[in-house]
Amino acid sequence: TSQVELPPDVGPEFDVYVNGVLKKRGVDFEVVGRSIVFRAQLAQEGRL
């Protein structure tokens, strides 16, 4: 799976977009502590 750490100033209500597409909590991702854990693996291009 993939995850991102929430910035410290983000409260309990927020929207998540992946590549500009709105994702739904409980369907596409879960919030675990201060992390968003996605059900699908997200890709990063990495170094060239």
ModelCIF file with pLDDT and N, C-alpha, C, O atoms, coordinates in Angstrom:
data_MODEL
#
_entry.id   MODEL 
#
_entity.id                         1 
_entity.type                       polymer 
_entity.pdbx_number_of_molecules   1 
#
_entity_poly.entity_id                      1 
_entity_poly.type                           'polypeptide(L)' 
_entity_poly.nstd_linkage                   no 
_entity_poly.nstd_monomer                   no 
_entity_poly.pdbx_seq_one_letter_code       TSQVELPPDVGPEFDVYVNGVLKKRGVDFEVVGRSIVFRAQLAQEGRL 
_entity_poly.pdbx_seq_one_letter_code_can   TSQVELPPDVGPEFDVYVNGVLKKRGVDFEVVGRSIVFRAQLAQEGRL 
_entity_poly.pdbx_strand_id                 A 
#
loop_
_entity_poly_seq.entity_id 
_entity_poly_seq.num 
_entity_poly_seq.mon_id 
_entity_poly_seq.hetero 
1 1  THR n 
1 2  SER n 
1 3  GLN n 
1 4  VAL n 
1 5  GLU n 
1 6  LEU n 
1 7  PRO n 
1 8  PRO n 
1 9  ASP n 
1 10 VAL n 
1 11 GLY n 
1 12 PRO n 
1 13 GLU n 
1 14 PHE n 
1 15 ASP n 
1 16 VAL n 
1 17 TYR n 
1 18 VAL n 
1 19 ASN n 
1 20 GLY n 
1 21 VAL n 
1 22 LEU n 
1 23 LYS n 
1 24 LYS n 
1 25 ARG n 
1 26 GLY n 
1 27 VAL n 
1 28 ASP n 
1 29 PHE n 
1 30 GLU n 
1 31 VAL n 
1 32 VAL n 
1 33 GLY n 
1 34 ARG n 
1 35 SER n 
1 36 ILE n 
1 37 VAL n 
1 38 PHE n 
1 39 ARG n 
1 40 ALA n 
1 41 GLN n 
1 42 LEU n 
1 43 ALA n 
1 44 GLN n 
1 45 GLU n 
1 46 GLY n 
1 47 ARG n 
1 48 LEU n 
#
_struct_asym.id          A 
_struct_asym.entity_id   1 
#
loop_
_ma_qa_metric.id 
_ma_qa_metric.mode 
_ma_qa_metric.name 
_ma_qa_metric.software_group_id 
_ma_qa_metric.type 
1 global pLDDT . pLDDT 
2 local  pLDDT . pLDDT 
#
_ma_qa_metric_global.metric_id      1 
_ma_qa_metric_global.metric_value   88.33 
_ma_qa_metric_global.model_id       1 
_ma_qa_metric_global.ordinal_id     1 
#
loop_
_ma_qa_metric_local.label_asym_id 
_ma_qa_metric_local.label_comp_id 
_ma_qa_metric_local.label_seq_id 
_ma_qa_metric_local.metric_id 
_ma_qa_metric_local.metric_value 
_ma_qa_metric_local.model_id 
_ma_qa_metric_local.ordinal_id 
A THR 1  2 81.00 1 1  
A SER 2  2 88.00 1 2  
A GLN 3  2 91.00 1 3  
A VAL 4  2 93.00 1 4  
A GLU 5  2 94.00 1 5  
A LEU 6  2 95.00 1 6  
A PRO 7  2 92.00 1 7  
A PRO 8  2 93.00 1 8  
A ASP 9  2 92.00 1 9  
A VAL 10 2 94.00 1 10 
A GLY 11 2 92.00 1 11 
A PRO 12 2 92.00 1 12 
A GLU 13 2 94.00 1 13 
A PHE 14 2 97.00 1 14 
A ASP 15 2 97.00 1 15 
A VAL 16 2 97.00 1 16 
A TYR 17 2 96.00 1 17 
A VAL 18 2 93.00 1 18 
A ASN 19 2 91.00 1 19 
A GLY 20 2 93.00 1 20 
A VAL 21 2 94.00 1 21 
A LEU 22 2 97.00 1 22 
A LYS 23 2 96.00 1 23 
A LYS 24 2 96.00 1 24 
A ARG 25 2 96.00 1 25 
A GLY 26 2 94.00 1 26 
A VAL 27 2 94.00 1 27 
A ASP 28 2 94.00 1 28 
A PHE 29 2 95.00 1 29 
A GLU 30 2 95.00 1 30 
A VAL 31 2 95.00 1 31 
A VAL 32 2 94.00 1 32 
A GLY 33 2 94.00 1 33 
A ARG 34 2 93.00 1 34 
A SER 35 2 94.00 1 35 
A ILE 36 2 94.00 1 36 
A VAL 37 2 94.00 1 37 
A PHE 38 2 93.00 1 38 
A ARG 39 2 85.00 1 39 
A ALA 40 2 82.00 1 40 
A GLN 41 2 81.00 1 41 
A LEU 42 2 83.00 1 42 
A ALA 43 2 65.00 1 43 
A GLN 44 2 61.00 1 44 
A GLU 45 2 55.00 1 45 
A GLY 46 2 53.00 1 46 
A ARG 47 2 60.00 1 47 
A LEU 48 2 58.00 1 48 
#
loop_
_atom_site.group_PDB 
_atom_site.id 
_atom_site.type_symbol 
_atom_site.label_atom_id 
_atom_site.label_alt_id 
_atom_site.label_comp_id 
_atom_site.label_asym_id 
_atom_site.label_entity_id 
_atom_site.label_seq_id 
_atom_site.pdbx_PDB_ins_code 
_atom_site.Cartn_x 
_atom_site.Cartn_y 
_atom_site.Cartn_z 
_atom_site.occupancy 
_atom_site.B_iso_or_equiv 
_atom_site.pdbx_formal_charge 
_atom_site.auth_seq_id 
_atom_site.auth_comp_id 
_atom_site.auth_asym_id 
_atom_site.auth_atom_id 
_atom_site.pdbx_PDB_model_num 
ATOM 1   N N  . THR A 1 1  ? 0.858   -1.183 0.000   1.00 81.00 ? 1  THR A N  1 
ATOM 2   C CA . THR A 1 1  ? 0.000   0.000  0.000   1.00 81.00 ? 1  THR A CA 1 
ATOM 3   C C  . THR A 1 1  ? 0.889   1.224  0.000   1.00 81.00 ? 1  THR A C  1 
ATOM 4   O O  . THR A 1 1  ? 2.106   1.115  0.145   1.00 81.00 ? 1  THR A O  1 
ATOM 5   N N  . SER A 1 2  ? 0.294   2.375  -0.160  1.00 88.00 ? 2  SER A N  1 
ATOM 6   C CA . SER A 1 2  ? 1.026   3.634  -0.113  1.00 88.00 ? 2  SER A CA 1 
ATOM 7   C C  . SER A 1 2  ? 0.448   4.492  1.002   1.00 88.00 ? 2  SER A C  1 
ATOM 8   O O  . SER A 1 2  ? -0.707  4.329  1.395   1.00 88.00 ? 2  SER A O  1 
ATOM 9   N N  . GLN A 1 3  ? 1.269   5.409  1.505   1.00 91.00 ? 3  GLN A N  1 
ATOM 10  C CA . GLN A 1 3  ? 0.783   6.296  2.549   1.00 91.00 ? 3  GLN A CA 1 
ATOM 11  C C  . GLN A 1 3  ? 1.430   7.656  2.420   1.00 91.00 ? 3  GLN A C  1 
ATOM 12  O O  . GLN A 1 3  ? 2.490   7.805  1.812   1.00 91.00 ? 3  GLN A O  1 
ATOM 13  N N  . VAL A 1 4  ? 0.768   8.655  3.006   1.00 93.00 ? 4  VAL A N  1 
ATOM 14  C CA . VAL A 1 4  ? 1.322   10.001 3.129   1.00 93.00 ? 4  VAL A CA 1 
ATOM 15  C C  . VAL A 1 4  ? 1.103   10.457 4.567   1.00 93.00 ? 4  VAL A C  1 
ATOM 16  O O  . VAL A 1 4  ? 0.121   10.079 5.206   1.00 93.00 ? 4  VAL A O  1 
ATOM 17  N N  . GLU A 1 5  ? 2.012   11.257 5.060   1.00 94.00 ? 5  GLU A N  1 
ATOM 18  C CA . GLU A 1 5  ? 1.900   11.836 6.394   1.00 94.00 ? 5  GLU A CA 1 
ATOM 19  C C  . GLU A 1 5  ? 1.192   13.184 6.275   1.00 94.00 ? 5  GLU A C  1 
ATOM 20  O O  . GLU A 1 5  ? 1.539   14.000 5.421   1.00 94.00 ? 5  GLU A O  1 
ATOM 21  N N  . LEU A 1 6  ? 0.207   13.411 7.127   1.00 95.00 ? 6  LEU A N  1 
ATOM 22  C CA . LEU A 1 6  ? -0.521  14.674 7.110   1.00 95.00 ? 6  LEU A CA 1 
ATOM 23  C C  . LEU A 1 6  ? 0.328   15.789 7.727   1.00 95.00 ? 6  LEU A C  1 
ATOM 24  O O  . LEU A 1 6  ? 1.011   15.562 8.726   1.00 95.00 ? 6  LEU A O  1 
ATOM 25  N N  . PRO A 1 7  ? 0.293   16.979 7.147   1.00 92.00 ? 7  PRO A N  1 
ATOM 26  C CA . PRO A 1 7  ? 0.973   18.116 7.770   1.00 92.00 ? 7  PRO A CA 1 
ATOM 27  C C  . PRO A 1 7  ? 0.356   18.396 9.143   1.00 92.00 ? 7  PRO A C  1 
ATOM 28  O O  . PRO A 1 7  ? -0.806  18.059 9.374   1.00 92.00 ? 7  PRO A O  1 
ATOM 29  N N  . PRO A 1 8  ? 1.121   19.010 10.062  1.00 93.00 ? 8  PRO A N  1 
ATOM 30  C CA . PRO A 1 8  ? 0.633   19.222 11.428  1.00 93.00 ? 8  PRO A CA 1 
ATOM 31  C C  . PRO A 1 8  ? -0.596  20.114 11.535  1.00 93.00 ? 8  PRO A C  1 
ATOM 32  O O  . PRO A 1 8  ? -1.357  19.978 12.494  1.00 93.00 ? 8  PRO A O  1 
ATOM 33  N N  . ASP A 1 9  ? -0.821  21.028 10.582  1.00 92.00 ? 9  ASP A N  1 
ATOM 34  C CA . ASP A 1 9  ? -1.955  21.952 10.692  1.00 92.00 ? 9  ASP A CA 1 
ATOM 35  C C  . ASP A 1 9  ? -3.239  21.441 10.062  1.00 92.00 ? 9  ASP A C  1 
ATOM 36  O O  . ASP A 1 9  ? -4.232  22.167 10.017  1.00 92.00 ? 9  ASP A O  1 
ATOM 37  N N  . VAL A 1 10 ? -3.243  20.196 9.571   1.00 94.00 ? 10 VAL A N  1 
ATOM 38  C CA . VAL A 1 10 ? -4.456  19.617 8.984   1.00 94.00 ? 10 VAL A CA 1 
ATOM 39  C C  . VAL A 1 10 ? -5.336  19.085 10.110  1.00 94.00 ? 10 VAL A C  1 
ATOM 40  O O  . VAL A 1 10 ? -4.892  18.293 10.941  1.00 94.00 ? 10 VAL A O  1 
ATOM 41  N N  . GLY A 1 11 ? -6.592  19.533 10.124  1.00 92.00 ? 11 GLY A N  1 
ATOM 42  C CA . GLY A 1 11 ? -7.553  19.088 11.124  1.00 92.00 ? 11 GLY A CA 1 
ATOM 43  C C  . GLY A 1 11 ? -8.213  17.780 10.728  1.00 92.00 ? 11 GLY A C  1 
ATOM 44  O O  . GLY A 1 11 ? -7.752  17.104 9.808   1.00 92.00 ? 11 GLY A O  1 
ATOM 45  N N  . PRO A 1 12 ? -9.295  17.415 11.417  1.00 92.00 ? 12 PRO A N  1 
ATOM 46  C CA . PRO A 1 12 ? -9.958  16.142 11.140  1.00 92.00 ? 12 PRO A CA 1 
ATOM 47  C C  . PRO A 1 12 ? -10.742 16.118 9.824   1.00 92.00 ? 12 PRO A C  1 
ATOM 48  O O  . PRO A 1 12 ? -11.017 15.042 9.293   1.00 92.00 ? 12 PRO A O  1 
ATOM 49  N N  . GLU A 1 13 ? -11.103 17.284 9.297   1.00 94.00 ? 13 GLU A N  1 
ATOM 50  C CA . GLU A 1 13 ? -11.871 17.339 8.043   1.00 94.00 ? 13 GLU A CA 1 
ATOM 51  C C  . GLU A 1 13 ? -10.975 17.812 6.906   1.00 94.00 ? 13 GLU A C  1 
ATOM 52  O O  . GLU A 1 13 ? -10.392 18.895 6.971   1.00 94.00 ? 13 GLU A O  1 
ATOM 53  N N  . PHE A 1 14 ? -10.871 16.994 5.870   1.00 97.00 ? 14 PHE A N  1 
ATOM 54  C CA . PHE A 1 14 ? -10.064 17.347 4.705   1.00 97.00 ? 14 PHE A CA 1 
ATOM 55  C C  . PHE A 1 14 ? -10.490 16.477 3.526   1.00 97.00 ? 14 PHE A C  1 
ATOM 56  O O  . PHE A 1 14 ? -11.112 15.430 3.707   1.00 97.00 ? 14 PHE A O  1 
ATOM 57  N N  . ASP A 1 15 ? -10.155 16.915 2.335   1.00 97.00 ? 15 ASP A N  1 
ATOM 58  C CA . ASP A 1 15 ? -10.409 16.158 1.112   1.00 97.00 ? 15 ASP A CA 1 
ATOM 59  C C  . ASP A 1 15 ? -9.084  15.666 0.563   1.00 97.00 ? 15 ASP A C  1 
ATOM 60  O O  . ASP A 1 15 ? -8.061  16.339 0.687   1.00 97.00 ? 15 ASP A O  1 
ATOM 61  N N  . VAL A 1 16 ? -9.109  14.482 -0.048  1.00 97.00 ? 16 VAL A N  1 
ATOM 62  C CA . VAL A 1 16 ? -7.912  13.884 -0.625  1.00 97.00 ? 16 VAL A CA 1 
ATOM 63  C C  . VAL A 1 16 ? -8.135  13.704 -2.123  1.00 97.00 ? 16 VAL A C  1 
ATOM 64  O O  . VAL A 1 16 ? -9.144  13.144 -2.552  1.00 97.00 ? 16 VAL A O  1 
ATOM 65  N N  . TYR A 1 17 ? -7.178  14.185 -2.907  1.00 96.00 ? 17 TYR A N  1 
ATOM 66  C CA . TYR A 1 17 ? -7.205  14.040 -4.355  1.00 96.00 ? 17 TYR A CA 1 
ATOM 67  C C  . TYR A 1 17 ? -5.943  13.305 -4.802  1.00 96.00 ? 17 TYR A C  1 
ATOM 68  O O  . TYR A 1 17 ? -4.839  13.637 -4.370  1.00 96.00 ? 17 TYR A O  1 
ATOM 69  N N  . VAL A 1 18 ? -6.110  12.315 -5.662  1.00 93.00 ? 18 VAL A N  1 
ATOM 70  C CA . VAL A 1 18 ? -4.978  11.636 -6.282  1.00 93.00 ? 18 VAL A CA 1 
ATOM 71  C C  . VAL A 1 18 ? -5.075  11.908 -7.772  1.00 93.00 ? 18 VAL A C  1 
ATOM 72  O O  . VAL A 1 18 ? -6.049  11.531 -8.424  1.00 93.00 ? 18 VAL A O  1 
ATOM 73  N N  . ASN A 1 19 ? -4.061  12.561 -8.300  1.00 91.00 ? 19 ASN A N  1 
ATOM 74  C CA . ASN A 1 19 ? -4.044  12.958 -9.712  1.00 91.00 ? 19 ASN A CA 1 
ATOM 75  C C  . ASN A 1 19 ? -5.282  13.769 -10.077 1.00 91.00 ? 19 ASN A C  1 
ATOM 76  O O  . ASN A 1 19 ? -5.808  13.652 -11.184 1.00 91.00 ? 19 ASN A O  1 
ATOM 77  N N  . GLY A 1 20 ? -5.744  14.598 -9.131  1.00 93.00 ? 20 GLY A N  1 
ATOM 78  C CA . GLY A 1 20 ? -6.885  15.475 -9.385  1.00 93.00 ? 20 GLY A CA 1 
ATOM 79  C C  . GLY A 1 20 ? -8.239  14.829 -9.202  1.00 93.00 ? 20 GLY A C  1 
ATOM 80  O O  . GLY A 1 20 ? -9.259  15.478 -9.433  1.00 93.00 ? 20 GLY A O  1 
ATOM 81  N N  . VAL A 1 21 ? -8.285  13.565 -8.792  1.00 94.00 ? 21 VAL A N  1 
ATOM 82  C CA . VAL A 1 21 ? -9.550  12.852 -8.618  1.00 94.00 ? 21 VAL A CA 1 
ATOM 83  C C  . VAL A 1 21 ? -9.826  12.705 -7.122  1.00 94.00 ? 21 VAL A C  1 
ATOM 84  O O  . VAL A 1 21 ? -8.988  12.199 -6.375  1.00 94.00 ? 21 VAL A O  1 
ATOM 85  N N  . LEU A 1 22 ? -11.009 13.153 -6.691  1.00 97.00 ? 22 LEU A N  1 
ATOM 86  C CA . LEU A 1 22 ? -11.399 13.067 -5.287  1.00 97.00 ? 22 LEU A CA 1 
ATOM 87  C C  . LEU A 1 22 ? -11.505 11.610 -4.859  1.00 97.00 ? 22 LEU A C  1 
ATOM 88  O O  . LEU A 1 22 ? -12.126 10.796 -5.542  1.00 97.00 ? 22 LEU A O  1 
ATOM 89  N N  . LYS A 1 23 ? -10.891 11.288 -3.720  1.00 96.00 ? 23 LYS A N  1 
ATOM 90  C CA . LYS A 1 23 ? -10.939 9.931  -3.161  1.00 96.00 ? 23 LYS A CA 1 
ATOM 91  C C  . LYS A 1 23 ? -11.802 9.939  -1.908  1.00 96.00 ? 23 LYS A C  1 
ATOM 92  O O  . LYS A 1 23 ? -11.954 10.969 -1.252  1.00 96.00 ? 23 LYS A O  1 
ATOM 93  N N  . LYS A 1 24 ? -12.372 8.767  -1.578  1.00 96.00 ? 24 LYS A N  1 
ATOM 94  C CA . LYS A 1 24 ? -13.299 8.664  -0.454  1.00 96.00 ? 24 LYS A CA 1 
ATOM 95  C C  . LYS A 1 24 ? -12.683 7.874  0.697   1.00 96.00 ? 24 LYS A C  1 
ATOM 96  O O  . LYS A 1 24 ? -12.111 6.800  0.514   1.00 96.00 ? 24 LYS A O  1 
ATOM 97  N N  . ARG A 1 25 ? -12.825 8.460  1.905   1.00 96.00 ? 25 ARG A N  1 
ATOM 98  C CA . ARG A 1 25 ? -12.368 7.782  3.117   1.00 96.00 ? 25 ARG A CA 1 
ATOM 99  C C  . ARG A 1 25 ? -13.194 6.517  3.321   1.00 96.00 ? 25 ARG A C  1 
ATOM 100 O O  . ARG A 1 25 ? -14.416 6.544  3.169   1.00 96.00 ? 25 ARG A O  1 
ATOM 101 N N  . GLY A 1 26 ? -12.551 5.434  3.657   1.00 94.00 ? 26 GLY A N  1 
ATOM 102 C CA . GLY A 1 26 ? -13.237 4.160  3.863   1.00 94.00 ? 26 GLY A CA 1 
ATOM 103 C C  . GLY A 1 26 ? -13.370 3.341  2.598   1.00 94.00 ? 26 GLY A C  1 
ATOM 104 O O  . GLY A 1 26 ? -13.579 2.130  2.667   1.00 94.00 ? 26 GLY A O  1 
ATOM 105 N N  . VAL A 1 27 ? -13.253 3.974  1.448   1.00 94.00 ? 27 VAL A N  1 
ATOM 106 C CA . VAL A 1 27 ? -13.315 3.271  0.166   1.00 94.00 ? 27 VAL A CA 1 
ATOM 107 C C  . VAL A 1 27 ? -11.925 3.217  -0.468  1.00 94.00 ? 27 VAL A C  1 
ATOM 108 O O  . VAL A 1 27 ? -11.431 2.140  -0.802  1.00 94.00 ? 27 VAL A O  1 
ATOM 109 N N  . ASP A 1 28 ? -11.303 4.376  -0.632  1.00 94.00 ? 28 ASP A N  1 
ATOM 110 C CA . ASP A 1 28 ? -10.003 4.468  -1.283  1.00 94.00 ? 28 ASP A CA 1 
ATOM 111 C C  . ASP A 1 28 ? -8.840  4.563  -0.294  1.00 94.00 ? 28 ASP A C  1 
ATOM 112 O O  . ASP A 1 28 ? -7.714  4.188  -0.620  1.00 94.00 ? 28 ASP A O  1 
ATOM 113 N N  . PHE A 1 29 ? -9.112  5.063  0.909   1.00 95.00 ? 29 PHE A N  1 
ATOM 114 C CA . PHE A 1 29 ? -8.051  5.231  1.900   1.00 95.00 ? 29 PHE A CA 1 
ATOM 115 C C  . PHE A 1 29 ? -8.614  5.185  3.311   1.00 95.00 ? 29 PHE A C  1 
ATOM 116 O O  . PHE A 1 29 ? -9.820  5.325  3.516   1.00 95.00 ? 29 PHE A O  1 
ATOM 117 N N  . GLU A 1 30 ? -7.739  4.991  4.270   1.00 95.00 ? 30 GLU A N  1 
ATOM 118 C CA . GLU A 1 30 ? -8.056  5.049  5.689   1.00 95.00 ? 30 GLU A CA 1 
ATOM 119 C C  . GLU A 1 30 ? -7.108  6.040  6.347   1.00 95.00 ? 30 GLU A C  1 
ATOM 120 O O  . GLU A 1 30 ? -5.997  6.258  5.864   1.00 95.00 ? 30 GLU A O  1 
ATOM 121 N N  . VAL A 1 31 ? -7.544  6.638  7.444   1.00 95.00 ? 31 VAL A N  1 
ATOM 122 C CA . VAL A 1 31 ? -6.675  7.504  8.228   1.00 95.00 ? 31 VAL A CA 1 
ATOM 123 C C  . VAL A 1 31 ? -6.243  6.714  9.453   1.00 95.00 ? 31 VAL A C  1 
ATOM 124 O O  . VAL A 1 31 ? -7.068  6.241  10.235  1.00 95.00 ? 31 VAL A O  1 
ATOM 125 N N  . VAL A 1 32 ? -4.909  6.582  9.604   1.00 94.00 ? 32 VAL A N  1 
ATOM 126 C CA . VAL A 1 32 ? -4.329  5.862  10.729  1.00 94.00 ? 32 VAL A CA 1 
ATOM 127 C C  . VAL A 1 32 ? -3.392  6.827  11.440  1.00 94.00 ? 32 VAL A C  1 
ATOM 128 O O  . VAL A 1 32 ? -2.295  7.107  10.958  1.00 94.00 ? 32 VAL A O  1 
ATOM 129 N N  . GLY A 1 33 ? -3.823  7.328  12.574  1.00 94.00 ? 33 GLY A N  1 
ATOM 130 C CA . GLY A 1 33 ? -3.032  8.347  13.278  1.00 94.00 ? 33 GLY A CA 1 
ATOM 131 C C  . GLY A 1 33 ? -2.953  9.606  12.430  1.00 94.00 ? 33 GLY A C  1 
ATOM 132 O O  . GLY A 1 33 ? -3.981  10.197 12.098  1.00 94.00 ? 33 GLY A O  1 
ATOM 133 N N  . ARG A 1 34 ? -1.748  10.018 12.080  1.00 93.00 ? 34 ARG A N  1 
ATOM 134 C CA . ARG A 1 34 ? -1.521  11.192 11.226  1.00 93.00 ? 34 ARG A CA 1 
ATOM 135 C C  . ARG A 1 34 ? -1.128  10.775 9.814   1.00 93.00 ? 34 ARG A C  1 
ATOM 136 O O  . ARG A 1 34 ? -0.528  11.561 9.080   1.00 93.00 ? 34 ARG A O  1 
ATOM 137 N N  . SER A 1 35 ? -1.460  9.550  9.430   1.00 94.00 ? 35 SER A N  1 
ATOM 138 C CA . SER A 1 35 ? -1.133  9.044  8.090   1.00 94.00 ? 35 SER A CA 1 
ATOM 139 C C  . SER A 1 35 ? -2.402  8.700  7.325   1.00 94.00 ? 35 SER A C  1 
ATOM 140 O O  . SER A 1 35 ? -3.402  8.268  7.898   1.00 94.00 ? 35 SER A O  1 
ATOM 141 N N  . ILE A 1 36 ? -2.332  8.902  6.026   1.00 94.00 ? 36 ILE A N  1 
ATOM 142 C CA . ILE A 1 36 ? -3.377  8.428  5.123   1.00 94.00 ? 36 ILE A CA 1 
ATOM 143 C C  . ILE A 1 36 ? -2.816  7.196  4.437   1.00 94.00 ? 36 ILE A C  1 
ATOM 144 O O  . ILE A 1 36 ? -1.771  7.263  3.789   1.00 94.00 ? 36 ILE A O  1 
ATOM 145 N N  . VAL A 1 37 ? -3.506  6.068  4.577   1.00 94.00 ? 37 VAL A N  1 
ATOM 146 C CA . VAL A 1 37 ? -3.056  4.810  3.982   1.00 94.00 ? 37 VAL A CA 1 
ATOM 147 C C  . VAL A 1 37 ? -4.008  4.472  2.846   1.00 94.00 ? 37 VAL A C  1 
ATOM 148 O O  . VAL A 1 37 ? -5.206  4.287  3.057   1.00 94.00 ? 37 VAL A O  1 
ATOM 149 N N  . PHE A 1 38 ? -3.457  4.393  1.633   1.00 93.00 ? 38 PHE A N  1 
ATOM 150 C CA . PHE A 1 38 ? -4.249  4.099  0.445   1.00 93.00 ? 38 PHE A CA 1 
ATOM 151 C C  . PHE A 1 38 ? -4.338  2.596  0.236   1.00 93.00 ? 38 PHE A C  1 
ATOM 152 O O  . PHE A 1 38 ? -3.393  1.859  0.517   1.00 93.00 ? 38 PHE A O  1 
ATOM 153 N N  . ARG A 1 39 ? -5.474  2.156  -0.257  1.00 85.00 ? 39 ARG A N  1 
ATOM 154 C CA . ARG A 1 39 ? -5.664  0.728  -0.526  1.00 85.00 ? 39 ARG A CA 1 
ATOM 155 C C  . ARG A 1 39 ? -4.880  0.299  -1.759  1.00 85.00 ? 39 ARG A C  1 
ATOM 156 O O  . ARG A 1 39 ? -4.448  -0.850 -1.852  1.00 85.00 ? 39 ARG A O  1 
ATOM 157 N N  . ALA A 1 40 ? -4.696  1.208  -2.698  1.00 82.00 ? 40 ALA A N  1 
ATOM 158 C CA . ALA A 1 40 ? -3.934  0.910  -3.912  1.00 82.00 ? 40 ALA A CA 1 
ATOM 159 C C  . ALA A 1 40 ? -2.529  1.480  -3.775  1.00 82.00 ? 40 ALA A C  1 
ATOM 160 O O  . ALA A 1 40 ? -2.311  2.470  -3.075  1.00 82.00 ? 40 ALA A O  1 
ATOM 161 N N  . GLN A 1 41 ? -1.589  0.848  -4.446  1.00 81.00 ? 41 GLN A N  1 
ATOM 162 C CA . GLN A 1 41 ? -0.221  1.344  -4.425  1.00 81.00 ? 41 GLN A CA 1 
ATOM 163 C C  . GLN A 1 41 ? -0.089  2.503  -5.408  1.00 81.00 ? 41 GLN A C  1 
ATOM 164 O O  . GLN A 1 41 ? -0.466  2.380  -6.573  1.00 81.00 ? 41 GLN A O  1 
ATOM 165 N N  . LEU A 1 42 ? 0.446   3.626  -4.938  1.00 83.00 ? 42 LEU A N  1 
ATOM 166 C CA . LEU A 1 42 ? 0.676   4.788  -5.783  1.00 83.00 ? 42 LEU A CA 1 
ATOM 167 C C  . LEU A 1 42 ? 2.104   4.734  -6.302  1.00 83.00 ? 42 LEU A C  1 
ATOM 168 O O  . LEU A 1 42 ? 2.996   4.217  -5.628  1.00 83.00 ? 42 LEU A O  1 
ATOM 169 N N  . ALA A 1 43 ? 2.320   5.266  -7.495  1.00 65.00 ? 43 ALA A N  1 
ATOM 170 C CA . ALA A 1 43 ? 3.632   5.171  -8.127  1.00 65.00 ? 43 ALA A CA 1 
ATOM 171 C C  . ALA A 1 43 ? 4.366   6.505  -8.091  1.00 65.00 ? 43 ALA A C  1 
ATOM 172 O O  . ALA A 1 43 ? 3.761   7.571  -8.205  1.00 65.00 ? 43 ALA A O  1 
ATOM 173 N N  . GLN A 1 44 ? 5.665   6.421  -7.931  1.00 61.00 ? 44 GLN A N  1 
ATOM 174 C CA . GLN A 1 44 ? 6.548   7.575  -8.016  1.00 61.00 ? 44 GLN A CA 1 
ATOM 175 C C  . GLN A 1 44 ? 7.575   7.295  -9.092  1.00 61.00 ? 44 GLN A C  1 
ATOM 176 O O  . GLN A 1 44 ? 8.121   6.195  -9.174  1.00 61.00 ? 44 GLN A O  1 
ATOM 177 N N  . GLU A 1 45 ? 7.835   8.294  -9.917  1.00 55.00 ? 45 GLU A N  1 
ATOM 178 C CA . GLU A 1 45 ? 8.753   8.087  -11.037 1.00 55.00 ? 45 GLU A CA 1 
ATOM 179 C C  . GLU A 1 45 ? 10.168  7.802  -10.568 1.00 55.00 ? 45 GLU A C  1 
ATOM 180 O O  . GLU A 1 45 ? 10.874  7.017  -11.201 1.00 55.00 ? 45 GLU A O  1 
ATOM 181 N N  . GLY A 1 46 ? 10.594  8.405  -9.498  1.00 53.00 ? 46 GLY A N  1 
ATOM 182 C CA . GLY A 1 46 ? 11.950  8.168  -9.007  1.00 53.00 ? 46 GLY A CA 1 
ATOM 183 C C  . GLY A 1 46 ? 12.967  9.010  -9.760  1.00 53.00 ? 46 GLY A C  1 
ATOM 184 O O  . GLY A 1 46 ? 12.619  9.856  -10.584 1.00 53.00 ? 46 GLY A O  1 
ATOM 185 N N  . ARG A 1 47 ? 14.210  8.759  -9.461  1.00 60.00 ? 47 ARG A N  1 
ATOM 186 C CA . ARG A 1 47 ? 15.291  9.525  -10.080 1.00 60.00 ? 47 ARG A CA 1 
ATOM 187 C C  . ARG A 1 47 ? 15.507  9.086  -11.524 1.00 60.00 ? 47 ARG A C  1 
ATOM 188 O O  . ARG A 1 47 ? 15.341  7.915  -11.867 1.00 60.00 ? 47 ARG A O  1 
ATOM 189 N N  . LEU A 1 48 ? 15.880  10.048 -12.360 1.00 58.00 ? 48 LEU A N  1 
ATOM 190 C CA . LEU A 1 48 ? 16.194  9.744  -13.749 1.00 58.00 ? 48 LEU A CA 1 
ATOM 191 C C  . LEU A 1 48 ? 17.650  9.341  -13.861 1.00 58.00 ? 48 LEU A C  1 
ATOM 192 O O  . LEU A 1 48 ? 18.126  9.041  -14.956 1.00 58.00 ? 48 LEU A O  1 
#
